[in-house]
Amino acid sequence: MKVSLISPYPDITCFGLRTMSAHLKDHGHQTQLIFLPDPQGDDLVMGKRHFNESVLAQTAALCADSDLIGLTLMTNHFEAAVEISAYLKSKSDRPIVWGGVHPTVRPEECLQHADLVCVGEGEDVILDLANRMDRGEDLSDVPNIWLRKDGQVIRNDVRPLEMNLDVYPIPDYSGEDHHVMYKGTVKPLDYDLTQILLARGTVADHLHHVGYQTMTGRGCPHQCTYCINDAIKCMYGKRGYLRWRSNDHVMSELLWVKKHMPYVGYVWISDDAFIARSQDSIDEFCGRYKENIDLPFSCLVSPLTVTEKKMERLVDAGLIYIQMGVESGSPHMQEVYNRPHMNNERTLKAMHIINEHKDRMQPPGYDFLLDAPYETDEDRIESLRLIAQIPKPFRLQPFALVLYPGTELHDRAKADGLIGDERRDVYNKSWTMKKLSYLNLLFVLSRGGRLPPAVLRFLISRPVLVVMNNRVTKYLSGYAYLMLWTIYRFCKRAMGKK
């Protein structure tokens, strides 16, 4: 069977899609990867087309001889996925299967646009579909698949989670029948273009190295109310969701990368909580990584997983950048997010441990969520007070909270009437769409970590807040924020074009 796999994600890493491609190939099928980075990027505009006619026509031509077409998406790619699927359906009757986070939490909605919907993890599902189609068998009872038959929606149960992640091959970076939309046209994704596009990744741009993104595990030990991980855990019974690939398996992937992608200058480990691994596992990983790979790397952490011993081993092995979710400095919002154990005391302790290695690392990135429901100005001020205590150097990464479907916080806000037009307020909202306000301006001014703590404390003092955060002036300050953000985005794009 020939299976075409399409991604509208903003980059070409797509770990899951590439793993599916490799899994299908290992079992005798032919695959084609098509990357269509949404031209709107983070600047989503409701009702505006995502792709021009030429790009869609080229995609349809590539898929003309496919037996099955798969498309992966998150919620903010829903409109783009609808556009792609509608065009492909107008040109052929090839079955289209949607998978990814959004189809997992909104399968019935997705069935309005796809022939099949994959709920949950997809490697064995896509292989099952390809095998059955190859044998001419019925698809109506494939585990994890939802479909319509005789006017009825068939909702198949999910298969048990695969606990041994080593059964899946390393991601497919072969370049064989890989394509990408680049400068308004779909062209082969060859060796040189892969290097160019990987060099434009967010962290790659910050670290000034071409980055290779991988995942050494799946799942997360935490249960944050704004995160989809908890909904997926519930679907699988909440047990065994956090799993790791063996260090043998990870090293085999990275050794392949070193041999076949010599331009890679660092490794981006994008697990939700990489150092939630045991100390023994961290020790083994670091020893083997330093001996066999010896490239700088970055990873994501949480305040609860940072320890002195783990940081010492990781930095010695080549860790140069760390990103940590703080989200809020308000005890009230920490409760709302179900992160009460990640309080300010624990968070500052983790920050000081990270800061001990500042001479050997890039400034760490600390994430904060803005514009959350149930958050008051006092909650925001408490976050700014925490920021004034962060040891320098650091980078602040403020994100507008998107209430993704399937999360506990989305359901609560929906029930309380805090979500109006869901397409506008959720599907077509991105992390860049922060509200205009004086306090949000202070988060932006703190981004580089260079704003003196005394100045920040002065800017959130009561006398200043009375003047700057009243009903009139806080919106004027918000326009100042908009101007700064516009200049920043313009400069970033200009540098990217160069």
Protein backbone atom coordinates (compact mmCIF):
# COMPACT_ATOMS: atom_id res chain seq x y z
CA MET A 1 0.00 0.00 0.00
CA LYS A 2 1.08 3.60 -0.57
CA VAL A 3 0.26 5.84 2.39
CA SER A 4 0.65 9.62 2.16
CA LEU A 5 1.11 11.38 5.50
CA ILE A 6 0.47 15.13 5.66
CA SER A 7 1.36 17.67 8.35
CA PRO A 8 0.23 21.32 8.58
CA TYR A 9 2.53 21.89 11.60
CA PRO A 10 4.82 24.94 11.46
CA ASP A 11 8.03 22.91 11.19
CA ILE A 12 9.24 19.68 9.60
CA THR A 13 10.21 17.74 12.74
CA CYS A 14 6.87 15.93 13.28
CA PHE A 15 8.31 13.12 15.39
CA GLY A 16 5.08 11.08 15.45
CA LEU A 17 4.41 11.29 11.71
CA ARG A 18 7.99 10.33 10.87
CA THR A 19 7.82 7.37 13.27
CA MET A 20 4.60 6.19 11.62
CA SER A 21 6.25 6.41 8.21
CA ALA A 22 9.20 4.31 9.40
CA HIS A 23 6.83 1.79 11.04
CA LEU A 24 4.86 1.36 7.81
CA LYS A 25 8.06 0.94 5.79
CA ASP A 26 9.34 -1.70 8.20
CA HIS A 27 6.22 -3.72 7.41
CA GLY A 28 6.51 -3.50 3.63
CA HIS A 29 4.39 -0.47 2.80
CA GLN A 30 5.36 2.60 0.78
CA THR A 31 5.06 6.04 2.36
CA GLN A 32 5.13 9.65 1.27
CA LEU A 33 5.58 12.58 3.66
CA ILE A 34 4.16 16.01 2.78
CA PHE A 35 4.86 18.96 5.07
CA LEU A 36 2.57 21.96 4.58
CA PRO A 37 3.60 24.49 7.25
CA ASP A 38 0.56 26.71 7.77
CA PRO A 39 1.45 30.11 6.19
CA GLN A 40 -0.53 31.86 8.92
CA GLY A 41 1.85 30.46 11.52
CA ASP A 42 0.99 31.91 14.92
CA ASP A 43 -0.98 34.80 13.38
CA LEU A 44 -4.24 32.92 12.88
CA VAL A 45 -7.01 34.83 11.14
CA MET A 46 -10.49 33.35 11.34
CA GLY A 47 -12.09 32.87 7.93
CA LYS A 48 -8.89 33.49 5.95
CA ARG A 49 -7.68 30.75 3.60
CA HIS A 50 -4.54 28.96 4.68
CA PHE A 51 -3.29 27.65 1.33
CA ASN A 52 -3.43 28.90 -2.22
CA GLU A 53 -4.94 26.86 -5.04
CA SER A 54 -1.55 25.96 -6.49
CA VAL A 55 -0.27 24.39 -3.25
CA LEU A 56 -3.44 22.35 -2.82
CA ALA A 57 -3.33 21.22 -6.45
CA GLN A 58 0.28 20.11 -6.11
CA THR A 59 -0.58 18.21 -2.93
CA ALA A 60 -3.50 16.48 -4.64
CA ALA A 61 -1.24 15.49 -7.55
CA LEU A 62 1.28 13.94 -5.14
CA CYS A 63 -1.51 11.95 -3.49
CA ALA A 64 -3.16 10.85 -6.74
CA ASP A 65 -1.77 7.29 -6.57
CA SER A 66 -2.03 6.89 -2.79
CA ASP A 67 -4.19 4.18 -1.27
CA LEU A 68 -4.62 5.99 2.06
CA ILE A 69 -4.03 9.60 3.13
CA GLY A 70 -3.29 10.47 6.75
CA LEU A 71 -3.36 13.95 8.25
CA THR A 72 -2.18 14.93 11.74
CA LEU A 73 -3.44 17.99 13.57
CA MET A 74 -3.78 19.91 16.78
CA THR A 75 -6.73 22.20 17.46
CA ASN A 76 -5.14 25.33 16.02
CA HIS A 77 -4.54 23.44 12.75
CA PHE A 78 -8.19 22.38 12.44
CA GLU A 79 -9.17 24.94 9.80
CA ALA A 80 -6.05 24.18 7.75
CA ALA A 81 -6.81 20.45 7.92
CA VAL A 82 -10.38 21.05 6.78
CA GLU A 83 -9.09 23.04 3.81
CA ILE A 84 -6.59 20.36 2.78
CA SER A 85 -9.04 17.48 3.20
CA ALA A 86 -11.88 19.20 1.34
CA TYR A 87 -9.63 19.84 -1.65
CA LEU A 88 -8.29 16.28 -1.71
CA LYS A 89 -11.82 14.90 -1.52
CA SER A 90 -12.84 17.05 -4.48
CA LYS A 91 -10.09 15.45 -6.57
CA SER A 92 -10.24 11.77 -5.57
CA ASP A 93 -12.05 9.18 -3.50
CA ARG A 94 -8.98 8.04 -1.57
CA PRO A 95 -9.88 7.50 2.10
CA ILE A 96 -8.58 10.17 4.48
CA VAL A 97 -7.78 9.42 8.12
CA TRP A 98 -7.24 12.17 10.68
CA GLY A 99 -5.12 11.63 13.77
CA GLY A 100 -3.35 13.60 16.47
CA VAL A 101 -4.45 15.48 19.56
CA HIS A 102 -7.57 17.20 18.22
CA PRO A 103 -9.11 14.11 16.58
CA THR A 104 -8.42 12.24 19.83
CA VAL A 105 -10.53 14.66 21.89
CA ARG A 106 -13.07 15.70 19.20
CA PRO A 107 -13.48 12.58 17.01
CA GLU A 108 -17.13 13.11 16.10
CA GLU A 109 -16.48 16.66 14.92
CA CYS A 110 -13.54 15.45 12.84
CA LEU A 111 -15.68 12.77 11.17
CA GLN A 112 -17.50 15.59 9.39
CA HIS A 113 -14.33 16.13 7.36
CA ALA A 114 -12.47 12.80 7.36
CA ASP A 115 -13.51 9.26 6.41
CA LEU A 116 -11.73 7.77 9.43
CA VAL A 117 -10.56 9.23 12.72
CA CYS A 118 -7.77 7.77 14.84
CA VAL A 119 -8.22 8.22 18.59
CA GLY A 120 -5.04 7.92 20.66
CA GLU A 121 -1.59 6.74 19.60
CA GLY A 122 -1.41 5.95 15.91
CA GLU A 123 1.58 3.83 14.84
CA ASP A 124 -0.18 0.46 15.14
CA VAL A 125 -3.48 1.93 13.96
CA ILE A 126 -2.13 3.22 10.65
CA LEU A 127 -0.34 -0.11 10.12
CA ASP A 128 -3.54 -2.03 10.89
CA LEU A 129 -5.46 0.11 8.37
CA ALA A 130 -2.81 -0.38 5.66
CA ASN A 131 -2.65 -4.14 6.23
CA ARG A 132 -6.42 -4.55 6.14
CA MET A 133 -6.79 -2.40 3.02
CA ASP A 134 -4.03 -4.42 1.37
CA ARG A 135 -5.97 -7.61 2.08
CA GLY A 136 -9.31 -6.05 1.11
CA GLU A 137 -10.72 -6.48 4.62
CA ASP A 138 -13.35 -4.51 6.50
CA LEU A 139 -12.16 -1.47 8.48
CA SER A 140 -15.17 -1.02 10.71
CA ASP A 141 -13.74 -2.81 13.77
CA VAL A 142 -10.17 -1.45 13.78
CA PRO A 143 -9.31 -0.51 17.40
CA ASN A 144 -8.87 3.25 17.96
CA ILE A 145 -10.78 4.04 14.74
CA TRP A 146 -14.07 5.96 14.53
CA LEU A 147 -15.99 5.97 11.25
CA ARG A 148 -19.45 6.33 9.79
CA LYS A 149 -21.20 3.26 8.41
CA ASP A 150 -24.81 3.01 7.26
CA GLY A 151 -25.55 6.40 8.78
CA GLN A 152 -24.18 5.42 12.20
CA VAL A 153 -20.98 6.44 13.98
CA ILE A 154 -18.91 3.41 14.94
CA ARG A 155 -16.76 4.11 17.99
CA ASN A 156 -14.16 1.38 18.42
CA ASP A 157 -12.40 0.98 21.75
CA VAL A 158 -8.74 1.92 22.07
CA ARG A 159 -6.17 -0.85 22.06
CA PRO A 160 -3.90 -1.15 25.12
CA LEU A 161 -0.92 1.18 25.18
CA GLU A 162 2.29 -0.25 23.81
CA MET A 163 4.58 -0.28 26.83
CA ASN A 164 7.74 -1.17 24.92
CA LEU A 165 8.46 1.92 22.81
CA ASP A 166 11.51 0.21 21.33
CA VAL A 167 9.21 -1.75 18.99
CA TYR A 168 8.86 1.42 16.93
CA PRO A 169 11.68 2.43 14.59
CA ILE A 170 13.54 5.71 14.68
CA PRO A 171 11.88 8.60 12.79
CA ASP A 172 12.04 8.57 9.00
CA TYR A 173 14.51 11.21 7.82
CA SER A 174 15.44 9.24 4.69
CA GLY A 175 14.22 12.01 2.37
CA GLU A 176 12.66 9.35 0.12
CA ASP A 177 9.46 10.80 -1.36
CA HIS A 178 9.44 13.64 1.17
CA HIS A 179 7.99 17.01 0.14
CA VAL A 180 7.51 20.42 1.72
CA MET A 181 5.77 23.68 0.94
CA TYR A 182 8.57 26.20 0.62
CA LYS A 183 8.26 29.75 -0.70
CA GLY A 184 4.73 29.15 -1.95
CA THR A 185 5.27 25.88 -3.79
CA VAL A 186 5.53 22.19 -2.91
CA LYS A 187 8.97 20.79 -3.68
CA PRO A 188 11.12 17.78 -2.74
CA LEU A 189 12.47 17.95 0.81
CA ASP A 190 16.06 17.08 0.02
CA TYR A 191 19.19 17.09 2.18
CA ASP A 192 19.98 20.79 1.71
CA LEU A 193 16.43 22.02 2.25
CA THR A 194 16.10 19.88 5.38
CA GLN A 195 19.17 21.61 6.79
CA ILE A 196 17.80 25.05 5.94
CA LEU A 197 14.44 24.38 7.59
CA LEU A 198 15.84 22.72 10.72
CA ALA A 199 18.08 25.76 11.18
CA ARG A 200 14.95 27.92 11.47
CA GLY A 201 13.51 26.09 14.45
CA THR A 202 12.61 28.17 17.51
CA VAL A 203 15.29 26.82 19.81
CA ALA A 204 17.76 26.42 16.94
CA ASP A 205 17.38 30.13 16.19
CA HIS A 206 18.00 30.97 19.84
CA LEU A 207 21.03 28.69 20.23
CA HIS A 208 22.52 29.49 16.81
CA HIS A 209 22.90 25.82 15.94
CA VAL A 210 20.98 23.54 13.58
CA GLY A 211 18.83 21.46 15.91
CA TYR A 212 17.51 17.92 15.71
CA GLN A 213 14.33 17.29 17.70
CA THR A 214 13.55 13.95 19.28
CA MET A 215 11.50 12.39 22.07
CA THR A 216 12.89 9.78 24.44
CA GLY A 217 9.54 9.01 26.05
CA ARG A 218 5.80 9.65 26.04
CA GLY A 219 3.53 11.13 28.64
CA CYS A 220 3.93 13.35 31.67
CA PRO A 221 3.82 12.67 35.42
CA HIS A 222 1.80 15.83 36.14
CA GLN A 223 -1.92 16.52 35.76
CA CYS A 224 -2.10 20.21 34.82
CA THR A 225 -5.63 21.35 34.02
CA TYR A 226 -4.62 23.29 30.88
CA CYS A 227 -2.78 20.32 29.31
CA ILE A 228 -4.21 17.62 27.07
CA ASN A 229 -2.01 14.94 28.62
CA ASP A 230 -4.48 14.43 31.45
CA ALA A 231 -7.39 13.81 29.05
CA ILE A 232 -5.37 11.23 27.15
CA LYS A 233 -4.34 9.55 30.41
CA CYS A 234 -8.02 9.19 31.34
CA MET A 235 -8.77 7.60 27.97
CA TYR A 236 -6.19 4.91 28.69
CA GLY A 237 -7.14 4.49 32.33
CA LYS A 238 -4.42 6.77 33.77
CA ARG A 239 -2.04 3.86 34.28
CA GLY A 240 1.17 3.28 32.38
CA TYR A 241 0.87 6.43 30.28
CA LEU A 242 4.37 7.65 31.15
CA ARG A 243 6.82 5.45 29.22
CA TRP A 244 10.42 5.69 28.09
CA ARG A 245 12.43 4.40 25.18
CA SER A 246 15.53 2.49 26.22
CA ASN A 247 18.82 4.34 26.12
CA ASP A 248 19.98 1.79 23.49
CA HIS A 249 17.12 2.84 21.23
CA VAL A 250 17.71 6.58 21.70
CA MET A 251 21.45 6.24 21.08
CA SER A 252 20.84 4.29 17.86
CA GLU A 253 18.72 7.18 16.60
CA LEU A 254 21.23 9.85 17.52
CA LEU A 255 24.14 7.89 16.06
CA TRP A 256 22.19 7.68 12.78
CA VAL A 257 21.67 11.44 12.92
CA LYS A 258 25.39 12.10 13.49
CA LYS A 259 26.26 9.95 10.49
CA HIS A 260 23.59 11.11 8.03
CA MET A 261 22.92 14.68 9.20
CA PRO A 262 26.39 16.02 10.07
CA TYR A 263 25.14 19.62 10.03
CA VAL A 264 23.20 19.01 13.25
CA GLY A 265 24.81 21.11 15.99
CA TYR A 266 22.63 20.23 18.96
CA VAL A 267 19.83 17.86 20.03
CA TRP A 268 16.48 19.15 21.26
CA ILE A 269 14.86 16.60 23.58
CA SER A 270 11.20 17.61 23.56
CA ASP A 271 9.75 15.14 26.10
CA ASP A 272 7.21 16.84 28.36
CA ALA A 273 9.33 15.97 31.39
CA PHE A 274 12.63 14.44 30.28
CA ILE A 275 14.30 14.52 33.69
CA ALA A 276 11.35 12.88 35.42
CA ARG A 277 13.38 9.74 34.64
CA SER A 278 15.02 8.01 37.59
CA GLN A 279 18.50 9.08 38.64
CA ASP A 280 19.89 5.75 37.44
CA SER A 281 18.36 6.23 34.00
CA ILE A 282 19.68 9.80 33.83
CA ASP A 283 23.15 8.61 34.85
CA GLU A 284 23.18 5.92 32.16
CA PHE A 285 21.85 8.29 29.50
CA CYS A 286 24.42 10.98 30.31
CA GLY A 287 27.34 8.58 30.30
CA ARG A 288 26.43 7.08 26.96
CA TYR A 289 25.44 10.41 25.42
CA LYS A 290 28.74 12.03 26.35
CA GLU A 291 30.73 9.07 25.03
CA ASN A 292 28.80 8.43 21.78
CA ILE A 293 27.01 11.62 20.77
CA ASP A 294 28.89 14.51 22.40
CA LEU A 295 26.64 17.29 21.07
CA PRO A 296 25.04 20.11 23.07
CA PHE A 297 21.42 19.37 23.95
CA SER A 298 18.36 20.99 25.50
CA CYS A 299 15.34 19.64 27.34
CA LEU A 300 12.11 20.55 29.13
CA VAL A 301 11.77 20.29 32.91
CA SER A 302 9.30 21.06 35.68
CA PRO A 303 10.09 22.56 39.10
CA LEU A 304 9.45 19.17 40.73
CA THR A 305 11.96 17.23 38.62
CA VAL A 306 15.02 19.49 38.97
CA THR A 307 17.59 18.19 41.45
CA GLU A 308 21.23 19.12 42.03
CA LYS A 309 22.47 15.64 41.14
CA LYS A 310 20.49 15.39 37.91
CA MET A 311 21.54 18.87 36.79
CA GLU A 312 25.20 18.15 37.47
CA ARG A 313 25.11 14.98 35.37
CA LEU A 314 23.12 16.57 32.54
CA VAL A 315 25.33 19.66 32.26
CA ASP A 316 28.45 17.49 32.29
CA ALA A 317 26.95 15.48 29.39
CA GLY A 318 26.31 18.61 27.31
CA LEU A 319 23.06 20.22 28.49
CA ILE A 320 23.22 23.86 27.39
CA TYR A 321 19.62 25.05 27.55
CA ILE A 322 16.62 24.26 29.71
CA GLN A 323 12.99 25.33 29.45
CA MET A 324 10.80 25.16 32.56
CA GLY A 325 7.08 25.72 32.93
CA VAL A 326 6.38 28.10 35.81
CA GLU A 327 2.99 29.30 34.51
CA SER A 328 2.08 31.51 37.49
CA GLY A 329 3.48 32.93 40.70
CA SER A 330 0.02 33.10 42.25
CA PRO A 331 -0.96 30.36 44.75
CA HIS A 332 -4.55 30.81 43.60
CA MET A 333 -3.67 30.11 39.95
CA GLN A 334 -1.36 27.28 40.93
CA GLU A 335 -4.46 25.66 42.45
CA VAL A 336 -6.50 26.41 39.31
CA TYR A 337 -3.79 24.75 37.21
CA ASN A 338 -3.54 21.79 39.64
CA ARG A 339 0.08 22.66 40.36
CA PRO A 340 -0.05 23.44 44.11
CA HIS A 341 3.12 21.43 44.77
CA MET A 342 4.95 23.59 42.21
CA ASN A 343 4.68 26.60 44.49
CA ASN A 344 7.00 29.60 44.48
CA GLU A 345 9.33 28.14 47.09
CA ARG A 346 9.85 24.94 45.09
CA THR A 347 10.09 26.86 41.83
CA LEU A 348 12.73 29.28 43.13
CA LYS A 349 14.69 26.35 44.54
CA ALA A 350 14.76 24.74 41.08
CA MET A 351 15.76 28.07 39.52
CA HIS A 352 18.67 28.47 41.90
CA ILE A 353 19.86 24.92 41.15
CA ILE A 354 19.76 25.73 37.42
CA ASN A 355 21.52 29.05 38.05
CA GLU A 356 24.47 27.26 39.66
CA HIS A 357 25.41 26.14 36.14
CA LYS A 358 25.00 29.53 34.43
CA ASP A 359 28.65 29.61 33.35
CA ARG A 360 28.19 26.44 31.29
CA MET A 361 24.66 27.03 29.95
CA GLN A 362 22.61 29.47 27.94
CA PRO A 363 20.13 31.50 30.06
CA PRO A 364 17.21 29.19 30.88
CA GLY A 365 13.72 29.89 29.53
CA TYR A 366 10.87 30.18 32.03
CA ASP A 367 7.30 29.90 30.73
CA PHE A 368 4.38 31.92 32.11
CA LEU A 369 0.73 31.76 31.09
CA LEU A 370 -1.20 34.98 30.50
CA ASP A 371 -4.88 35.89 30.12
CA ALA A 372 -6.19 32.84 31.94
CA PRO A 373 -9.79 32.58 33.12
CA TYR A 374 -10.24 32.97 36.88
CA GLU A 375 -7.04 35.06 37.03
CA THR A 376 -7.20 38.51 38.62
CA ASP A 377 -4.82 41.46 38.38
CA GLU A 378 -3.56 40.55 41.84
CA ASP A 379 -2.68 37.06 40.53
CA ARG A 380 -0.73 38.66 37.68
CA ILE A 381 1.08 40.98 40.09
CA GLU A 382 2.11 37.96 42.19
CA SER A 383 3.63 36.43 39.04
CA LEU A 384 5.56 39.64 38.41
CA ARG A 385 6.78 39.64 42.02
CA LEU A 386 8.09 36.12 41.44
CA ILE A 387 9.82 37.24 38.23
CA ALA A 388 11.62 39.96 40.22
CA GLN A 389 13.13 37.16 42.36
CA ILE A 390 14.41 34.96 39.53
CA PRO A 391 18.23 34.66 39.55
CA LYS A 392 19.81 36.12 36.44
CA PRO A 393 20.46 35.44 33.66
CA PHE A 394 17.18 34.05 32.30
CA ARG A 395 14.69 34.41 29.47
CA LEU A 396 10.99 34.88 30.09
CA GLN A 397 8.55 33.22 27.71
CA PRO A 398 5.02 34.56 28.25
CA PHE A 399 2.32 32.62 26.39
CA ALA A 400 -1.34 33.51 25.99
CA LEU A 401 -3.27 30.55 27.40
CA VAL A 402 -5.32 28.64 24.83
CA LEU A 403 -8.14 26.61 26.37
CA TYR A 404 -7.75 23.50 24.26
CA PRO A 405 -10.73 21.10 24.04
CA GLY A 406 -10.42 18.04 26.22
CA THR A 407 -8.59 19.83 29.02
CA GLU A 408 -10.14 20.19 32.45
CA LEU A 409 -9.74 23.97 32.36
CA HIS A 410 -11.53 24.21 29.00
CA ASP A 411 -14.49 22.21 30.32
CA ARG A 412 -14.69 24.35 33.46
CA ALA A 413 -14.52 27.62 31.54
CA LYS A 414 -17.08 26.38 29.02
CA ALA A 415 -19.48 25.41 31.79
CA ASP A 416 -19.02 28.84 33.42
CA GLY A 417 -19.79 30.65 30.16
CA LEU A 418 -16.24 32.01 29.75
CA ILE A 419 -15.86 30.67 26.21
CA GLY A 420 -18.05 32.43 23.69
CA ASP A 421 -17.37 31.59 20.07
CA GLU A 422 -15.20 28.48 20.36
CA ARG A 423 -13.85 28.75 16.82
CA ARG A 424 -12.70 32.30 17.52
CA ASP A 425 -11.64 31.94 21.15
CA VAL A 426 -9.97 28.51 20.92
CA TYR A 427 -9.50 27.09 17.42
CA ASN A 428 -8.22 30.36 15.95
CA LYS A 429 -6.25 31.57 18.95
CA SER A 430 -2.50 31.17 19.35
CA TRP A 431 -0.01 31.75 22.16
CA THR A 432 0.97 35.10 20.60
CA MET A 433 -2.49 36.65 20.99
CA LYS A 434 -2.04 38.36 24.34
CA LYS A 435 -4.47 40.95 25.61
CA LEU A 436 -3.47 44.60 25.61
CA SER A 437 -2.85 45.66 29.20
CA TYR A 438 -0.31 47.36 31.43
CA LEU A 439 0.54 44.15 33.30
CA ASN A 440 1.06 42.20 30.07
CA LEU A 441 3.41 44.96 28.95
CA LEU A 442 5.50 44.30 32.07
CA PHE A 443 5.76 40.62 31.16
CA VAL A 444 7.01 41.62 27.71
CA LEU A 445 9.55 44.07 29.18
CA SER A 446 10.81 41.21 31.36
CA ARG A 447 11.36 38.81 28.42
CA GLY A 448 15.11 39.23 28.17
CA GLY A 449 15.65 38.93 31.92
CA ARG A 450 17.52 42.23 31.93
CA LEU A 451 14.92 44.45 33.60
CA PRO A 452 16.39 45.29 37.06
CA PRO A 453 14.32 43.69 39.85
CA ALA A 454 14.08 47.03 41.66
CA VAL A 455 12.57 48.62 38.56
CA LEU A 456 10.04 45.82 38.15
CA ARG A 457 9.06 46.05 41.83
CA PHE A 458 8.60 49.80 41.40
CA LEU A 459 6.41 49.30 38.30
CA ILE A 460 4.07 47.01 40.28
CA SER A 461 4.03 49.14 43.42
CA ARG A 462 0.62 50.39 44.50
CA PRO A 463 1.19 54.09 43.64
CA VAL A 464 2.30 53.22 40.10
CA LEU A 465 -0.54 50.71 39.62
CA VAL A 466 -3.10 53.34 40.65
CA VAL A 467 -1.87 55.53 37.80
CA MET A 468 -0.92 52.95 35.15
CA ASN A 469 -3.42 50.14 35.69
CA ASN A 470 -6.67 52.03 35.95
CA ARG A 471 -9.51 51.64 33.47
CA VAL A 472 -8.11 54.17 31.00
CA THR A 473 -4.32 54.03 31.19
CA LYS A 474 -3.95 50.25 31.28
CA TYR A 475 -5.24 50.08 27.70
CA LEU A 476 -2.88 52.85 26.58
CA SER A 477 -0.08 50.78 28.08
CA GLY A 478 -1.49 47.83 26.18
CA TYR A 479 -1.02 49.65 22.89
CA ALA A 480 2.59 50.25 23.87
CA TYR A 481 2.86 46.49 24.35
CA LEU A 482 1.34 45.92 20.90
CA MET A 483 3.85 48.27 19.32
CA LEU A 484 6.79 46.51 21.02
CA TRP A 485 5.51 43.09 20.00
CA THR A 486 4.97 44.23 16.40
CA ILE A 487 8.52 45.59 16.19
CA TYR A 488 9.89 42.36 17.68
CA ARG A 489 7.99 40.16 15.17
CA PHE A 490 9.03 42.38 12.26
CA CYS A 491 12.70 42.22 13.23
CA LYS A 492 12.51 38.45 13.71
CA ARG A 493 10.97 37.93 10.29
CA ALA A 494 13.46 40.27 8.66
CA MET A 495 16.34 38.32 10.20
CA GLY A 496 14.73 35.05 9.10
CA LYS A 497 14.56 36.23 5.50
CA LYS A 498 18.25 37.00 5.57
